[in-house]
PDB file of all heavy atoms in Angstrom:
ATOM      1  N   PHE A   1     -10.801  -6.735   1.202  1.00  0.00           N
ATOM      2  CA  PHE A   1     -10.951  -5.351   0.893  1.00  0.00           C
ATOM      3  C   PHE A   1     -10.034  -4.414   1.623  1.00  0.00           C
ATOM      4  O   PHE A   1      -9.544  -3.438   1.076  1.00  0.00           O
ATOM      5  CB  PHE A   1     -12.419  -4.953   1.037  1.00  0.00           C
ATOM      6  CG  PHE A   1     -13.264  -5.414  -0.114  1.00  0.00           C
ATOM      7  CD1 PHE A   1     -14.320  -6.353   0.121  1.00  0.00           C
ATOM      8  CD2 PHE A   1     -13.079  -4.912  -1.398  1.00  0.00           C
ATOM      9  CE1 PHE A   1     -15.087  -6.813  -0.913  1.00  0.00           C
ATOM     10  CE2 PHE A   1     -13.880  -5.400  -2.432  1.00  0.00           C
ATOM     11  CZ  PHE A   1     -14.873  -6.321  -2.199  1.00  0.00           C
ATOM     12  N   ILE A   2      -9.726  -4.731   2.897  1.00  0.00           N
ATOM     13  CA  ILE A   2      -8.698  -3.935   3.579  1.00  0.00           C
ATOM     14  C   ILE A   2      -7.355  -3.937   2.934  1.00  0.00           C
ATOM     15  O   ILE A   2      -6.656  -2.933   2.734  1.00  0.00           O
ATOM     16  CB  ILE A   2      -8.576  -4.449   5.012  1.00  0.00           C
ATOM     17  CG1 ILE A   2      -9.815  -4.011   5.881  1.00  0.00           C
ATOM     18  CG2 ILE A   2      -7.320  -3.802   5.738  1.00  0.00           C
ATOM     19  CD1 ILE A   2      -9.869  -4.697   7.242  1.00  0.00           C
ATOM     20  N   THR A   3      -6.946  -5.206   2.500  1.00  0.00           N
ATOM     21  CA  THR A   3      -5.695  -5.394   1.782  1.00  0.00           C
ATOM     22  C   THR A   3      -5.701  -4.682   0.451  1.00  0.00           C
ATOM     23  O   THR A   3      -4.753  -3.902   0.117  1.00  0.00           O
ATOM     24  CB  THR A   3      -5.405  -6.868   1.547  1.00  0.00           C
ATOM     25  OG1 THR A   3      -5.461  -7.562   2.821  1.00  0.00           O
ATOM     26  CG2 THR A   3      -3.983  -7.050   0.991  1.00  0.00           C
ATOM     27  N   LEU A   4      -6.744  -4.894  -0.307  1.00  0.00           N
ATOM     28  CA  LEU A   4      -6.869  -4.278  -1.648  1.00  0.00           C
ATOM     29  C   LEU A   4      -6.871  -2.732  -1.531  1.00  0.00           C
ATOM     30  O   LEU A   4      -6.190  -2.076  -2.276  1.00  0.00           O
ATOM     31  CB  LEU A   4      -8.114  -4.807  -2.384  1.00  0.00           C
ATOM     32  CG  LEU A   4      -8.481  -4.130  -3.717  1.00  0.00           C
ATOM     33  CD1 LEU A   4      -7.278  -4.351  -4.712  1.00  0.00           C
ATOM     34  CD2 LEU A   4      -9.762  -4.713  -4.319  1.00  0.00           C
ATOM     35  N   PHE A   5      -7.714  -2.215  -0.665  1.00  0.00           N
ATOM     36  CA  PHE A   5      -7.845  -0.754  -0.464  1.00  0.00           C
ATOM     37  C   PHE A   5      -6.481  -0.141  -0.085  1.00  0.00           C
ATOM     38  O   PHE A   5      -6.143   0.938  -0.603  1.00  0.00           O
ATOM     39  CB  PHE A   5      -8.902  -0.474   0.549  1.00  0.00           C
ATOM     40  CG  PHE A   5      -9.239   1.009   0.703  1.00  0.00           C
ATOM     41  CD1 PHE A   5      -9.942   1.658  -0.300  1.00  0.00           C
ATOM     42  CD2 PHE A   5      -8.844   1.755   1.839  1.00  0.00           C
ATOM     43  CE1 PHE A   5     -10.221   2.963  -0.200  1.00  0.00           C
ATOM     44  CE2 PHE A   5      -9.073   3.066   1.918  1.00  0.00           C
ATOM     45  CZ  PHE A   5      -9.775   3.741   0.938  1.00  0.00           C
ATOM     46  N   THR A   6      -5.731  -0.797   0.811  1.00  0.00           N
ATOM     47  CA  THR A   6      -4.461  -0.314   1.177  1.00  0.00           C
ATOM     48  C   THR A   6      -3.516  -0.264  -0.008  1.00  0.00           C
ATOM     49  O   THR A   6      -2.772   0.705  -0.169  1.00  0.00           O
ATOM     50  CB  THR A   6      -3.832  -1.151   2.326  1.00  0.00           C
ATOM     51  OG1 THR A   6      -4.732  -1.260   3.429  1.00  0.00           O
ATOM     52  CG2 THR A   6      -2.501  -0.644   2.764  1.00  0.00           C
ATOM     53  N   ALA A   7      -3.522  -1.310  -0.788  1.00  0.00           N
ATOM     54  CA  ALA A   7      -2.630  -1.390  -2.019  1.00  0.00           C
ATOM     55  C   ALA A   7      -3.025  -0.275  -2.996  1.00  0.00           C
ATOM     56  O   ALA A   7      -2.149   0.355  -3.631  1.00  0.00           O
ATOM     57  CB  ALA A   7      -2.790  -2.754  -2.671  1.00  0.00           C
ATOM     58  N   ILE A   8      -4.308   0.011  -3.182  1.00  0.00           N
ATOM     59  CA  ILE A   8      -4.788   1.046  -4.093  1.00  0.00           C
ATOM     60  C   ILE A   8      -4.364   2.414  -3.614  1.00  0.00           C
ATOM     61  O   ILE A   8      -3.777   3.185  -4.292  1.00  0.00           O
ATOM     62  CB  ILE A   8      -6.293   0.964  -4.270  1.00  0.00           C
ATOM     63  CG1 ILE A   8      -6.737  -0.314  -4.992  1.00  0.00           C
ATOM     64  CG2 ILE A   8      -6.813   2.195  -4.975  1.00  0.00           C
ATOM     65  CD1 ILE A   8      -8.217  -0.562  -5.053  1.00  0.00           C
ATOM     66  N   ILE A   9      -4.659   2.711  -2.308  1.00  0.00           N
ATOM     67  CA  ILE A   9      -4.284   3.972  -1.764  1.00  0.00           C
ATOM     68  C   ILE A   9      -2.753   4.181  -1.780  1.00  0.00           C
ATOM     69  O   ILE A   9      -2.290   5.266  -2.212  1.00  0.00           O
ATOM     70  CB  ILE A   9      -4.754   4.119  -0.294  1.00  0.00           C
ATOM     71  CG1 ILE A   9      -6.274   4.180  -0.200  1.00  0.00           C
ATOM     72  CG2 ILE A   9      -4.166   5.336   0.406  1.00  0.00           C
ATOM     73  CD1 ILE A   9      -6.901   5.322  -0.883  1.00  0.00           C
ATOM     74  N   GLY A  10      -1.990   3.150  -1.433  1.00  0.00           N
ATOM     75  CA  GLY A  10      -0.545   3.236  -1.463  1.00  0.00           C
ATOM     76  C   GLY A  10      -0.013   3.533  -2.873  1.00  0.00           C
ATOM     77  O   GLY A  10       0.928   4.263  -3.047  1.00  0.00           O
ATOM     78  N   SER A  11      -0.628   2.908  -3.868  1.00  0.00           N
ATOM     79  CA  SER A  11      -0.181   3.084  -5.233  1.00  0.00           C
ATOM     80  C   SER A  11      -0.403   4.501  -5.807  1.00  0.00           C
ATOM     81  O   SER A  11       0.408   4.990  -6.582  1.00  0.00           O
ATOM     82  CB  SER A  11      -0.838   1.998  -6.156  1.00  0.00           C
ATOM     83  OG  SER A  11      -0.488   0.706  -5.782  1.00  0.00           O
ATOM     84  N   VAL A  12      -1.459   5.125  -5.370  1.00  0.00           N
ATOM     85  CA  VAL A  12      -1.819   6.422  -5.900  1.00  0.00           C
ATOM     86  C   VAL A  12      -1.500   7.592  -4.977  1.00  0.00           C
ATOM     87  O   VAL A  12      -1.409   8.724  -5.452  1.00  0.00           O
ATOM     88  CB  VAL A  12      -3.299   6.468  -6.400  1.00  0.00           C
ATOM     89  CG1 VAL A  12      -3.609   5.392  -7.333  1.00  0.00           C
ATOM     90  CG2 VAL A  12      -4.215   6.320  -5.148  1.00  0.00           C
ATOM     91  N   ALA A  13      -1.344   7.355  -3.729  1.00  0.00           N
ATOM     92  CA  ALA A  13      -1.227   8.430  -2.731  1.00  0.00           C
ATOM     93  C   ALA A  13       0.123   8.500  -1.954  1.00  0.00           C
ATOM     94  O   ALA A  13       0.521   9.598  -1.558  1.00  0.00           O
ATOM     95  CB  ALA A  13      -2.362   8.410  -1.738  1.00  0.00           C
ATOM     96  N   PHE A  14       0.793   7.328  -1.820  1.00  0.00           N
ATOM     97  CA  PHE A  14       2.048   7.384  -1.076  1.00  0.00           C
ATOM     98  C   PHE A  14       3.099   8.127  -1.883  1.00  0.00           C
ATOM     99  O   PHE A  14       3.120   8.147  -3.128  1.00  0.00           O
ATOM    100  CB  PHE A  14       2.567   5.959  -0.851  1.00  0.00           C
ATOM    101  CG  PHE A  14       1.782   5.145   0.206  1.00  0.00           C
ATOM    102  CD1 PHE A  14       2.001   3.835   0.378  1.00  0.00           C
ATOM    103  CD2 PHE A  14       0.766   5.795   0.926  1.00  0.00           C
ATOM    104  CE1 PHE A  14       1.336   3.145   1.348  1.00  0.00           C
ATOM    105  CE2 PHE A  14       0.049   5.053   1.887  1.00  0.00           C
ATOM    106  CZ  PHE A  14       0.386   3.734   2.075  1.00  0.00           C
ATOM    107  N   LYS A  15       3.977   8.827  -1.091  1.00  0.00           N
ATOM    108  CA  LYS A  15       4.963   9.676  -1.749  1.00  0.00           C
ATOM    109  C   LYS A  15       6.382   9.184  -1.253  1.00  0.00           C
ATOM    110  O   LYS A  15       6.497   8.582  -0.225  1.00  0.00           O
ATOM    111  CB  LYS A  15       4.770  11.135  -1.464  1.00  0.00           C
ATOM    112  CG  LYS A  15       3.489  11.639  -2.015  1.00  0.00           C
ATOM    113  CD  LYS A  15       3.212  13.127  -1.646  1.00  0.00           C
ATOM    114  CE  LYS A  15       1.956  13.642  -2.269  1.00  0.00           C
ATOM    115  NZ  LYS A  15       1.709  15.070  -1.922  1.00  0.00           N
ATOM    116  N   GLY A  16       7.409   9.688  -1.982  1.00  0.00           N
ATOM    117  CA  GLY A  16       8.780   9.323  -1.621  1.00  0.00           C
ATOM    118  C   GLY A  16       9.030   7.890  -1.698  1.00  0.00           C
ATOM    119  O   GLY A  16       8.492   7.132  -2.571  1.00  0.00           O
ATOM    120  N   PHE A  17       9.858   7.358  -0.711  1.00  0.00           N
ATOM    121  CA  PHE A  17      10.221   5.963  -0.753  1.00  0.00           C
ATOM    122  C   PHE A  17       8.993   5.061  -0.562  1.00  0.00           C
ATOM    123  O   PHE A  17       8.916   3.957  -1.136  1.00  0.00           O
ATOM    124  CB  PHE A  17      11.200   5.660   0.403  1.00  0.00           C
ATOM    125  CG  PHE A  17      11.438   4.181   0.587  1.00  0.00           C
ATOM    126  CD1 PHE A  17      12.057   3.447  -0.350  1.00  0.00           C
ATOM    127  CD2 PHE A  17      11.086   3.592   1.792  1.00  0.00           C
ATOM    128  CE1 PHE A  17      12.287   2.083  -0.151  1.00  0.00           C
ATOM    129  CE2 PHE A  17      11.263   2.247   1.989  1.00  0.00           C
ATOM    130  CZ  PHE A  17      11.866   1.516   1.063  1.00  0.00           C
ATOM    131  N   PHE A  18       8.005   5.485   0.180  1.00  0.00           N
ATOM    132  CA  PHE A  18       6.781   4.672   0.433  1.00  0.00           C
ATOM    133  C   PHE A  18       6.062   4.397  -0.872  1.00  0.00           C
ATOM    134  O   PHE A  18       5.316   3.412  -0.956  1.00  0.00           O
ATOM    135  CB  PHE A  18       5.903   5.330   1.504  1.00  0.00           C
ATOM    136  CG  PHE A  18       6.469   5.344   2.818  1.00  0.00           C
ATOM    137  CD1 PHE A  18       6.993   6.525   3.361  1.00  0.00           C
ATOM    138  CD2 PHE A  18       6.559   4.198   3.575  1.00  0.00           C
ATOM    139  CE1 PHE A  18       7.570   6.527   4.618  1.00  0.00           C
ATOM    140  CE2 PHE A  18       7.104   4.183   4.847  1.00  0.00           C
ATOM    141  CZ  PHE A  18       7.573   5.396   5.413  1.00  0.00           C
ATOM    142  N   SER A  19       6.229   5.259  -1.851  1.00  0.00           N
ATOM    143  CA  SER A  19       5.560   4.995  -3.158  1.00  0.00           C
ATOM    144  C   SER A  19       6.134   3.797  -3.898  1.00  0.00           C
ATOM    145  O   SER A  19       5.493   3.262  -4.860  1.00  0.00           O
ATOM    146  CB  SER A  19       5.660   6.221  -4.069  1.00  0.00           C
ATOM    147  OG  SER A  19       6.989   6.462  -4.431  1.00  0.00           O
ATOM    148  N   THR A  20       7.281   3.315  -3.452  1.00  0.00           N
ATOM    149  CA  THR A  20       7.888   2.150  -4.131  1.00  0.00           C
ATOM    150  C   THR A  20       7.539   0.860  -3.435  1.00  0.00           C
ATOM    151  O   THR A  20       7.871  -0.252  -3.955  1.00  0.00           O
ATOM    152  CB  THR A  20       9.421   2.327  -4.138  1.00  0.00           C
ATOM    153  OG1 THR A  20       9.948   2.220  -2.776  1.00  0.00           O
ATOM    154  CG2 THR A  20       9.881   3.587  -4.789  1.00  0.00           C
ATOM    155  N   ILE A  21       6.914   0.909  -2.226  1.00  0.00           N
ATOM    156  CA  ILE A  21       6.622  -0.307  -1.518  1.00  0.00           C
ATOM    157  C   ILE A  21       5.147  -0.467  -1.083  1.00  0.00           C
ATOM    158  O   ILE A  21       4.823  -0.971  -0.054  1.00  0.00           O
ATOM    159  CB  ILE A  21       7.505  -0.467  -0.217  1.00  0.00           C
ATOM    160  CG1 ILE A  21       7.322   0.774   0.687  1.00  0.00           C
ATOM    161  CG2 ILE A  21       8.956  -0.670  -0.602  1.00  0.00           C
ATOM    162  CD1 ILE A  21       7.981   0.568   2.082  1.00  0.00           C
ATOM    163  N   PRO A  22       4.182  -0.032  -1.984  1.00  0.00           N
ATOM    164  CA  PRO A  22       2.780  -0.230  -1.610  1.00  0.00           C
ATOM    165  C   PRO A  22       2.349  -1.636  -1.477  1.00  0.00           C
ATOM    166  O   PRO A  22       1.459  -1.976  -0.658  1.00  0.00           O
ATOM    167  CB  PRO A  22       2.026   0.416  -2.759  1.00  0.00           C
ATOM    168  CG  PRO A  22       2.957   0.327  -3.906  1.00  0.00           C
ATOM    169  CD  PRO A  22       4.354   0.519  -3.357  1.00  0.00           C
ATOM    170  N   ILE A  23       2.998  -2.570  -2.219  1.00  0.00           N
ATOM    171  CA  ILE A  23       2.649  -4.013  -2.105  1.00  0.00           C
ATOM    172  C   ILE A  23       3.065  -4.540  -0.712  1.00  0.00           C
ATOM    173  O   ILE A  23       2.241  -5.228  -0.016  1.00  0.00           O
ATOM    174  CB  ILE A  23       3.322  -4.851  -3.188  1.00  0.00           C
ATOM    175  CG1 ILE A  23       2.874  -4.354  -4.593  1.00  0.00           C
ATOM    176  CG2 ILE A  23       3.085  -6.309  -3.061  1.00  0.00           C
ATOM    177  CD1 ILE A  23       1.372  -4.417  -4.812  1.00  0.00           C
ATOM    178  N   LEU A  24       4.301  -4.182  -0.270  1.00  0.00           N
ATOM    179  CA  LEU A  24       4.766  -4.688   0.999  1.00  0.00           C
ATOM    180  C   LEU A  24       3.880  -4.081   2.101  1.00  0.00           C
ATOM    181  O   LEU A  24       3.440  -4.856   3.023  1.00  0.00           O
ATOM    182  CB  LEU A  24       6.168  -4.266   1.222  1.00  0.00           C
ATOM    183  CG  LEU A  24       6.806  -4.618   2.566  1.00  0.00           C
ATOM    184  CD1 LEU A  24       6.840  -6.099   2.777  1.00  0.00           C
ATOM    185  CD2 LEU A  24       8.260  -4.014   2.676  1.00  0.00           C
ATOM    186  N   ILE A  25       3.516  -2.825   2.039  1.00  0.00           N
ATOM    187  CA  ILE A  25       2.700  -2.170   3.047  1.00  0.00           C
ATOM    188  C   ILE A  25       1.324  -2.828   3.150  1.00  0.00           C
ATOM    189  O   ILE A  25       0.744  -3.076   4.174  1.00  0.00           O
ATOM    190  CB  ILE A  25       2.607  -0.672   2.849  1.00  0.00           C
ATOM    191  CG1 ILE A  25       4.056  -0.041   3.100  1.00  0.00           C
ATOM    192  CG2 ILE A  25       1.615   0.001   3.789  1.00  0.00           C
ATOM    193  CD1 ILE A  25       4.072   1.435   2.737  1.00  0.00           C
ATOM    194  N   SER A  26       0.775  -3.087   1.953  1.00  0.00           N
ATOM    195  CA  SER A  26      -0.585  -3.669   1.896  1.00  0.00           C
ATOM    196  C   SER A  26      -0.654  -5.105   2.502  1.00  0.00           C
ATOM    197  O   SER A  26      -1.593  -5.486   3.212  1.00  0.00           O
ATOM    198  CB  SER A  26      -1.165  -3.697   0.518  1.00  0.00           C
ATOM    199  OG  SER A  26      -0.357  -4.508  -0.383  1.00  0.00           O
ATOM    200  N   ILE A  27       0.452  -5.825   2.232  1.00  0.00           N
ATOM    201  CA  ILE A  27       0.605  -7.182   2.810  1.00  0.00           C
ATOM    202  C   ILE A  27       0.644  -7.073   4.372  1.00  0.00           C
ATOM    203  O   ILE A  27      -0.034  -7.835   5.103  1.00  0.00           O
ATOM    204  CB  ILE A  27       1.825  -7.915   2.308  1.00  0.00           C
ATOM    205  CG1 ILE A  27       1.624  -8.289   0.822  1.00  0.00           C
ATOM    206  CG2 ILE A  27       2.111  -9.158   3.151  1.00  0.00           C
ATOM    207  CD1 ILE A  27       2.813  -8.897   0.214  1.00  0.00           C
ATOM    208  N   VAL A  28       1.436  -6.142   4.915  1.00  0.00           N
ATOM    209  CA  VAL A  28       1.528  -5.953   6.328  1.00  0.00           C
ATOM    210  C   VAL A  28       0.203  -5.583   6.934  1.00  0.00           C
ATOM    211  O   VAL A  28      -0.234  -6.110   7.982  1.00  0.00           O
ATOM    212  CB  VAL A  28       2.608  -4.863   6.664  1.00  0.00           C
ATOM    213  CG1 VAL A  28       2.605  -4.534   8.176  1.00  0.00           C
ATOM    214  CG2 VAL A  28       3.997  -5.385   6.269  1.00  0.00           C
ATOM    215  N   VAL A  29      -0.533  -4.592   6.374  1.00  0.00           N
ATOM    216  CA  VAL A  29      -1.787  -4.127   6.867  1.00  0.00           C
ATOM    217  C   VAL A  29      -2.804  -5.288   6.758  1.00  0.00           C
ATOM    218  O   VAL A  29      -3.564  -5.490   7.735  1.00  0.00           O
ATOM    219  CB  VAL A  29      -2.286  -2.889   6.090  1.00  0.00           C
ATOM    220  CG1 VAL A  29      -3.730  -2.534   6.470  1.00  0.00           C
ATOM    221  CG2 VAL A  29      -1.403  -1.711   6.335  1.00  0.00           C
ATOM    222  N   GLY A  30      -2.834  -5.999   5.642  1.00  0.00           N
ATOM    223  CA  GLY A  30      -3.734  -7.071   5.522  1.00  0.00           C
ATOM    224  C   GLY A  30      -3.513  -8.204   6.493  1.00  0.00           C
ATOM    225  O   GLY A  30      -4.438  -8.850   6.990  1.00  0.00           O
ATOM    226  N   TYR A  31      -2.203  -8.451   6.744  1.00  0.00           N
ATOM    227  CA  TYR A  31      -1.792  -9.524   7.702  1.00  0.00           C
ATOM    228  C   TYR A  31      -2.305  -9.107   9.104  1.00  0.00           C
ATOM    229  O   TYR A  31      -2.793  -9.998   9.865  1.00  0.00           O
ATOM    230  CB  TYR A  31      -0.285  -9.610   7.651  1.00  0.00           C
ATOM    231  CG  TYR A  31       0.215 -10.857   8.451  1.00  0.00           C
ATOM    232  CD1 TYR A  31       0.265 -12.131   7.838  1.00  0.00           C
ATOM    233  CD2 TYR A  31       0.709 -10.727   9.726  1.00  0.00           C
ATOM    234  CE1 TYR A  31       0.740 -13.170   8.483  1.00  0.00           C
ATOM    235  CE2 TYR A  31       1.200 -11.803  10.434  1.00  0.00           C
ATOM    236  CZ  TYR A  31       1.215 -13.057   9.789  1.00  0.00           C
ATOM    237  OH  TYR A  31       1.664 -14.146  10.470  1.00  0.00           O
TER     238      TYR A  31
END
């Protein structure tokens, strides 16, 4: 759920360049 929640938040809330890498960020946070 930490990984999934990060991916969801990243997909809808991240802006700029970070909005293009929510999958990568969620993998890092989940890891």
